[in-house]
Amino acid sequence: MADVLVIGEAAEGKLKKTTHSAVTFAQKAAAALGGSYTILLVGDALQAAADEASHLGAAKVLVADDASLNHYLAERYAPTVADTGKAFAVVVGTASAFGKDLLPRVAARLGAGYVGDISELHTDGAKLTYKRPMFAGNAFGLCTISTPIQVVSVRQSAFTPAEPGAGRSPVEKIAVSAPEAAAAGIEFVSFDQVKNERPELTEAKVVVSGGRALKERFKEVLDPLADTLGAAMGASRAACDAGYAASDLQVGQTGKVVAPQLYFAVGISGAIQHLAGMKGSKVIVAINKDGEAPIFQVADYGLVADLFVAVPELVKAIQAAKA
């Protein structure tokens, strides 16, 4: 019997939805190992995040809450995570910017094998095999880890977020481990976060993305559609590189990976790098004047039309239907 430790991610005192995907992985892994899963939260002012985590079915929720951890620095978080992880067979987090930065350091401290960005978990008794995308999703590799402790990060879009339940797991406070010597020379300066009234791109249920074809009219065309749907805004790399959209909106292999319930691809041809970041979406709607565009191969609904005409008409139709 072996247990799984989920590294929760919190922001502004609240649990991020990325954690729910890691919990889904943990549920399956723990069942295969014959054990249970625990959620660990590290940071400052985590009461609300711990309360939310307590409804995700874990055996317990561990909280390392300290004012010295109010700003994320991997060198300060890793010791606590690694010291806690010594008692578990698998340590898992989401392959977000947080997880990609923290988990390799944790694996190094534990002397553990590490597999990042996995999209599937296969179980054969207590043997865990991980599937992960390679070459922008054109190929997949199967990996096993032979070390006593395994560290993995899961692709958020590949694991359906765990739903909170009515039950409540016990919450236990733990001590914060001393930071590694390297942390003494590191100082948190600032975090320049881009904030707007729209939902966060990686957690939104609806995403409206635009490509380079929109040119300088990017916001003019897409803002009304996004506003009508209460959607987050995304963009292709080409649109970001051309300056039509901010870089933090980029969806794709080198941008953000999303898996909303509904994804609009407007004026996006469907390069493999973009598809790698959004093809896990539940429903994909593509609007493009090129009927041979690769995006139509993954779209559930496709419209071959001039986007500058089609999108305003679509907005009017949706608003009329909602009235």
Protein backbone atom coordinates (compact mmCIF):
# COMPACT_ATOMS: atom_id res chain seq x y z
CA MET A 1 0.00 0.00 0.00
CA ALA A 2 1.36 3.42 -0.99
CA ASP A 3 0.03 6.96 -0.92
CA VAL A 4 0.03 9.98 -3.24
CA LEU A 5 0.84 13.59 -2.34
CA VAL A 6 -0.85 16.33 -4.38
CA ILE A 7 0.92 19.69 -4.42
CA GLY A 8 -1.87 22.24 -4.41
CA GLU A 9 -1.51 25.61 -6.06
CA ALA A 10 -2.98 28.72 -4.47
CA ALA A 11 -3.13 32.34 -5.56
CA GLU A 12 -4.35 35.27 -3.48
CA GLY A 13 -5.36 32.82 -0.78
CA LYS A 14 -7.62 30.76 -3.05
CA LEU A 15 -7.10 27.29 -4.49
CA LYS A 16 -6.46 27.35 -8.23
CA LYS A 17 -8.47 25.03 -10.45
CA THR A 18 -5.25 23.49 -11.74
CA THR A 19 -5.12 21.57 -8.45
CA HIS A 20 -8.39 19.81 -9.28
CA SER A 21 -6.77 18.13 -12.30
CA ALA A 22 -3.89 16.83 -10.18
CA VAL A 23 -6.46 15.44 -7.73
CA THR A 24 -8.12 13.47 -10.54
CA PHE A 25 -4.76 11.87 -11.32
CA ALA A 26 -4.20 11.16 -7.62
CA GLN A 27 -7.54 9.42 -7.29
CA LYS A 28 -6.63 6.93 -10.00
CA ALA A 29 -3.02 6.48 -8.87
CA ALA A 30 -3.98 5.95 -5.23
CA ALA A 31 -6.58 3.36 -6.20
CA ALA A 32 -3.95 1.43 -8.18
CA LEU A 33 -1.45 1.62 -5.32
CA GLY A 34 -4.01 0.61 -2.73
CA GLY A 35 -3.51 3.80 -0.75
CA SER A 36 -4.96 7.28 -0.37
CA TYR A 37 -4.00 10.79 -1.40
CA THR A 38 -3.15 13.87 0.62
CA ILE A 39 -3.13 17.50 -0.52
CA LEU A 40 -0.27 19.81 0.51
CA LEU A 41 -0.56 23.59 0.44
CA VAL A 42 2.47 25.81 0.93
CA GLY A 43 2.27 29.61 1.18
CA ASP A 44 0.74 32.38 3.24
CA ALA A 45 -2.87 33.10 4.30
CA LEU A 46 -4.11 29.72 3.07
CA GLN A 47 -7.24 29.30 5.18
CA ALA A 48 -9.69 29.71 2.27
CA ALA A 49 -7.58 27.52 -0.04
CA ALA A 50 -7.35 24.81 2.62
CA ASP A 51 -11.10 24.88 3.15
CA GLU A 52 -11.71 24.38 -0.57
CA ALA A 53 -9.10 21.61 -0.77
CA SER A 54 -10.76 19.82 2.15
CA HIS A 55 -13.78 19.10 -0.06
CA LEU A 56 -11.77 17.21 -2.71
CA GLY A 57 -11.87 13.81 -1.05
CA ALA A 58 -8.30 13.67 0.30
CA ALA A 59 -7.37 11.65 3.38
CA LYS A 60 -6.19 14.96 4.82
CA VAL A 61 -4.99 18.41 3.84
CA LEU A 62 -1.55 19.51 5.03
CA VAL A 63 -0.93 23.24 5.31
CA ALA A 64 2.48 24.89 5.61
CA ASP A 65 1.36 28.47 6.22
CA ASP A 66 3.98 31.09 6.99
CA ALA A 67 4.40 34.80 6.29
CA SER A 68 7.87 34.11 4.85
CA LEU A 69 6.16 32.25 1.98
CA ASN A 70 3.83 35.06 0.93
CA HIS A 71 5.62 35.29 -2.44
CA TYR A 72 6.45 32.15 -4.38
CA LEU A 73 10.12 31.29 -4.69
CA ALA A 74 11.00 27.71 -5.61
CA GLU A 75 14.05 27.76 -3.32
CA ARG A 76 11.80 28.50 -0.33
CA TYR A 77 8.95 26.14 -1.25
CA ALA A 78 10.95 23.08 -2.36
CA PRO A 79 12.37 22.06 1.06
CA THR A 80 8.93 21.82 2.66
CA VAL A 81 7.46 19.93 -0.29
CA ALA A 82 10.40 17.52 -0.45
CA ASP A 83 10.45 16.85 3.29
CA THR A 84 6.72 16.11 3.22
CA GLY A 85 7.03 14.03 0.06
CA LYS A 86 9.46 11.56 1.65
CA ALA A 87 6.52 9.68 3.15
CA PHE A 88 4.74 9.19 -0.18
CA ALA A 89 5.19 6.95 -3.21
CA VAL A 90 4.09 9.57 -5.75
CA VAL A 91 4.31 13.36 -5.60
CA VAL A 92 2.16 15.11 -8.21
CA GLY A 93 1.32 18.64 -9.29
CA THR A 94 -0.07 20.30 -12.38
CA ALA A 95 2.20 21.25 -15.29
CA SER A 96 1.49 24.95 -14.80
CA ALA A 97 4.27 27.52 -14.54
CA PHE A 98 4.24 26.81 -10.79
CA GLY A 99 4.49 23.03 -11.17
CA LYS A 100 7.09 23.12 -13.94
CA ASP A 101 9.32 25.31 -11.79
CA LEU A 102 8.86 23.58 -8.44
CA LEU A 103 8.56 19.85 -9.09
CA PRO A 104 11.94 19.22 -10.80
CA ARG A 105 13.63 20.82 -7.77
CA VAL A 106 11.59 18.60 -5.46
CA ALA A 107 12.55 15.52 -7.47
CA ALA A 108 16.23 16.46 -7.23
CA ARG A 109 16.04 16.82 -3.44
CA LEU A 110 14.29 13.45 -3.15
CA GLY A 111 16.59 11.67 -5.61
CA ALA A 112 13.40 10.75 -7.45
CA GLY A 113 12.64 10.12 -11.10
CA TYR A 114 10.56 12.82 -12.74
CA VAL A 115 8.12 12.77 -15.67
CA GLY A 116 6.57 16.08 -16.73
CA ASP A 117 3.39 17.07 -18.54
CA ILE A 118 1.74 13.66 -18.61
CA SER A 119 -1.55 13.26 -20.44
CA GLU A 120 -2.59 9.77 -19.33
CA LEU A 121 -1.99 7.34 -16.50
CA HIS A 122 -2.01 3.60 -17.19
CA THR A 123 -2.12 1.15 -14.30
CA ASP A 124 -1.20 -2.53 -14.17
CA GLY A 125 -1.68 -3.52 -10.59
CA ALA A 126 0.61 -1.23 -8.63
CA LYS A 127 2.73 -0.42 -11.70
CA LEU A 128 2.19 3.10 -13.00
CA THR A 129 2.95 3.99 -16.61
CA TYR A 130 2.81 7.57 -17.80
CA LYS A 131 1.93 8.80 -21.27
CA ARG A 132 3.23 12.21 -22.32
CA PRO A 133 3.14 14.20 -25.57
CA MET A 134 6.28 14.89 -27.56
CA PHE A 135 7.06 16.87 -30.72
CA ALA A 136 4.14 19.26 -30.17
CA GLY A 137 1.73 16.38 -29.73
CA ASN A 138 2.70 14.59 -32.93
CA ALA A 139 3.98 11.63 -30.91
CA PHE A 140 3.52 10.18 -27.46
CA GLY A 141 5.96 8.44 -25.16
CA LEU A 142 5.29 5.88 -22.43
CA CYS A 143 7.42 6.22 -19.29
CA THR A 144 7.89 4.34 -16.04
CA ILE A 145 9.87 5.49 -13.01
CA SER A 146 12.05 3.03 -11.10
CA THR A 147 12.95 5.14 -8.06
CA PRO A 148 11.14 4.53 -4.73
CA ILE A 149 9.50 7.95 -4.95
CA GLN A 150 8.03 9.18 -8.23
CA VAL A 151 7.48 12.84 -9.09
CA VAL A 152 5.15 13.79 -11.94
CA SER A 153 3.32 16.80 -13.32
CA VAL A 154 0.02 16.39 -15.17
CA ARG A 155 -1.30 18.36 -18.11
CA GLN A 156 -4.34 20.20 -16.84
CA SER A 157 -6.26 19.85 -20.09
CA ALA A 158 -5.87 16.06 -20.10
CA PHE A 159 -7.42 15.35 -16.68
CA THR A 160 -11.01 16.32 -15.95
CA PRO A 161 -11.01 18.54 -12.82
CA ALA A 162 -12.20 16.76 -9.68
CA GLU A 163 -15.50 18.05 -8.36
CA PRO A 164 -15.79 19.15 -4.72
CA GLY A 165 -17.92 16.95 -2.50
CA ALA A 166 -20.02 17.54 0.57
CA GLY A 167 -17.58 15.76 2.88
CA ARG A 168 -14.66 17.50 4.52
CA SER A 169 -11.13 16.18 5.00
CA PRO A 170 -9.23 17.03 8.19
CA VAL A 171 -6.85 19.97 7.86
CA GLU A 172 -3.48 19.72 9.60
CA LYS A 173 -0.84 22.41 9.93
CA ILE A 174 2.78 21.39 9.42
CA ALA A 175 6.09 23.12 10.03
CA VAL A 176 7.89 24.97 7.25
CA SER A 177 11.30 23.48 6.44
CA ALA A 178 14.33 25.73 6.45
CA PRO A 179 15.12 27.11 2.98
CA GLU A 180 18.17 25.86 1.14
CA ALA A 181 21.35 27.91 1.35
CA ALA A 182 20.86 29.16 -2.21
CA ALA A 183 17.71 31.01 -1.08
CA ALA A 184 19.77 33.41 1.01
CA GLY A 185 20.99 35.11 -2.14
CA ILE A 186 17.55 35.35 -3.75
CA GLU A 187 15.18 38.22 -3.17
CA PHE A 188 11.60 38.63 -4.35
CA VAL A 189 11.37 41.93 -6.23
CA SER A 190 7.93 42.09 -7.83
CA PHE A 191 5.26 40.15 -9.65
CA ASP A 192 3.80 42.11 -12.54
CA GLN A 193 0.50 40.33 -12.98
CA VAL A 194 -1.76 41.16 -15.91
CA LYS A 195 -5.28 41.59 -14.58
CA ASN A 196 -8.53 42.21 -16.37
CA GLU A 197 -12.20 41.58 -15.90
CA ARG A 198 -12.21 38.47 -18.08
CA PRO A 199 -11.81 34.94 -16.66
CA GLU A 200 -8.27 33.58 -16.38
CA LEU A 201 -7.30 31.96 -19.67
CA THR A 202 -6.21 28.59 -18.27
CA GLU A 203 -9.30 28.22 -16.08
CA ALA A 204 -12.07 29.67 -18.27
CA LYS A 205 -15.00 27.55 -19.44
CA VAL A 206 -15.18 29.48 -22.72
CA VAL A 207 -12.22 30.83 -24.69
CA VAL A 208 -12.32 33.05 -27.78
CA SER A 209 -9.01 33.01 -29.65
CA GLY A 210 -7.96 34.99 -32.69
CA GLY A 211 -5.24 34.64 -35.29
CA ARG A 212 -3.08 36.93 -37.37
CA ALA A 213 -5.87 37.32 -39.95
CA LEU A 214 -7.62 39.74 -37.59
CA LYS A 215 -4.71 42.19 -37.88
CA GLU A 216 -5.26 45.55 -36.15
CA ARG A 217 -8.96 44.78 -35.70
CA PHE A 218 -8.24 41.95 -33.24
CA LYS A 219 -9.96 43.52 -30.23
CA GLU A 220 -12.59 45.28 -32.32
CA VAL A 221 -13.84 41.97 -33.71
CA LEU A 222 -13.30 39.60 -30.79
CA ASP A 223 -14.15 41.74 -27.74
CA PRO A 224 -17.94 41.75 -28.44
CA LEU A 225 -17.94 37.95 -28.87
CA ALA A 226 -15.92 37.37 -25.71
CA ASP A 227 -18.07 39.83 -23.74
CA THR A 228 -21.29 38.19 -24.93
CA LEU A 229 -20.07 34.73 -23.94
CA GLY A 230 -18.31 35.79 -20.74
CA ALA A 231 -15.21 34.23 -22.23
CA ALA A 232 -11.47 34.54 -21.76
CA MET A 233 -9.44 35.90 -24.65
CA GLY A 234 -6.70 33.90 -26.37
CA ALA A 235 -4.51 34.27 -29.43
CA SER A 236 -2.25 32.33 -31.74
CA ARG A 237 1.50 32.84 -31.60
CA ALA A 238 1.38 34.55 -35.00
CA ALA A 239 -1.08 37.13 -33.68
CA CYS A 240 1.07 37.75 -30.60
CA ASP A 241 4.31 37.98 -32.59
CA ALA A 242 2.68 40.49 -34.94
CA GLY A 243 1.69 42.67 -31.99
CA TYR A 244 -2.06 42.27 -32.48
CA ALA A 245 -2.48 40.57 -29.09
CA ALA A 246 -0.56 40.57 -25.81
CA SER A 247 1.94 37.75 -25.31
CA ASP A 248 0.19 36.52 -22.16
CA LEU A 249 -2.80 35.56 -24.35
CA GLN A 250 -0.83 33.07 -26.43
CA VAL A 251 -2.31 29.57 -26.63
CA GLY A 252 -0.11 26.76 -27.88
CA GLN A 253 2.98 24.69 -27.36
CA THR A 254 5.06 27.68 -26.25
CA GLY A 255 2.10 29.47 -24.68
CA LYS A 256 -0.72 28.34 -22.42
CA VAL A 257 -2.50 25.00 -22.61
CA VAL A 258 -6.27 25.29 -22.30
CA ALA A 259 -9.18 22.86 -22.29
CA PRO A 260 -12.41 24.86 -21.95
CA GLN A 261 -15.91 23.57 -22.53
CA LEU A 262 -16.08 25.78 -25.64
CA TYR A 263 -13.20 27.10 -27.76
CA PHE A 264 -13.61 29.57 -30.62
CA ALA A 265 -10.74 29.66 -33.13
CA VAL A 266 -11.28 32.77 -35.25
CA GLY A 267 -8.93 33.36 -38.16
CA ILE A 268 -6.56 30.67 -36.89
CA SER A 269 -5.18 28.30 -39.51
CA GLY A 270 -4.41 25.52 -37.03
CA ALA A 271 -0.62 25.12 -36.96
CA ILE A 272 0.46 22.08 -34.95
CA GLN A 273 1.98 24.34 -32.28
CA HIS A 274 -1.39 25.97 -31.66
CA LEU A 275 -3.30 22.69 -31.73
CA ALA A 276 -1.00 21.33 -29.01
CA GLY A 277 -2.38 23.97 -26.65
CA MET A 278 -6.11 23.68 -27.29
CA LYS A 279 -7.12 20.39 -28.90
CA GLY A 280 -8.23 19.07 -25.51
CA SER A 281 -11.17 21.52 -25.60
CA LYS A 282 -14.55 19.83 -25.31
CA VAL A 283 -16.16 21.68 -28.24
CA ILE A 284 -14.15 23.55 -30.88
CA VAL A 285 -15.70 26.09 -33.24
CA ALA A 286 -13.57 27.34 -36.14
CA ILE A 287 -14.22 30.33 -38.38
CA ASN A 288 -11.86 30.74 -41.32
CA LYS A 289 -12.22 31.76 -44.96
CA ASP A 290 -9.84 28.97 -46.04
CA GLY A 291 -11.83 25.75 -46.20
CA GLU A 292 -8.61 23.73 -46.30
CA ALA A 293 -7.21 25.17 -43.06
CA PRO A 294 -5.95 22.44 -40.68
CA ILE A 295 -8.07 23.84 -37.86
CA PHE A 296 -11.15 22.27 -39.46
CA GLN A 297 -9.67 18.80 -38.92
CA VAL A 298 -10.07 19.16 -35.14
CA ALA A 299 -13.13 21.43 -35.09
CA ASP A 300 -16.52 20.13 -34.01
CA TYR A 301 -18.20 22.97 -35.89
CA GLY A 302 -16.64 24.88 -38.77
CA LEU A 303 -17.72 27.93 -40.71
CA VAL A 304 -15.97 28.88 -43.96
CA ALA A 305 -16.62 32.59 -44.13
CA ASP A 306 -15.15 36.08 -43.90
CA LEU A 307 -14.61 36.48 -40.16
CA PHE A 308 -15.11 40.26 -40.33
CA VAL A 309 -18.68 39.57 -41.44
CA ALA A 310 -19.40 36.30 -39.68
CA VAL A 311 -18.32 37.23 -36.15
CA PRO A 312 -20.48 40.39 -35.82
CA GLU A 313 -23.45 38.43 -37.18
CA LEU A 314 -22.76 35.64 -34.69
CA VAL A 315 -22.65 38.14 -31.83
CA LYS A 316 -26.02 39.59 -32.87
CA ALA A 317 -27.54 36.10 -33.08
CA ILE A 318 -26.26 35.11 -29.63
CA GLN A 319 -27.46 38.34 -28.07
CA ALA A 320 -30.88 37.87 -29.66
CA ALA A 321 -31.07 34.29 -28.38
CA LYS A 322 -30.17 35.43 -24.86
CA ALA A 323 -32.69 38.27 -24.86
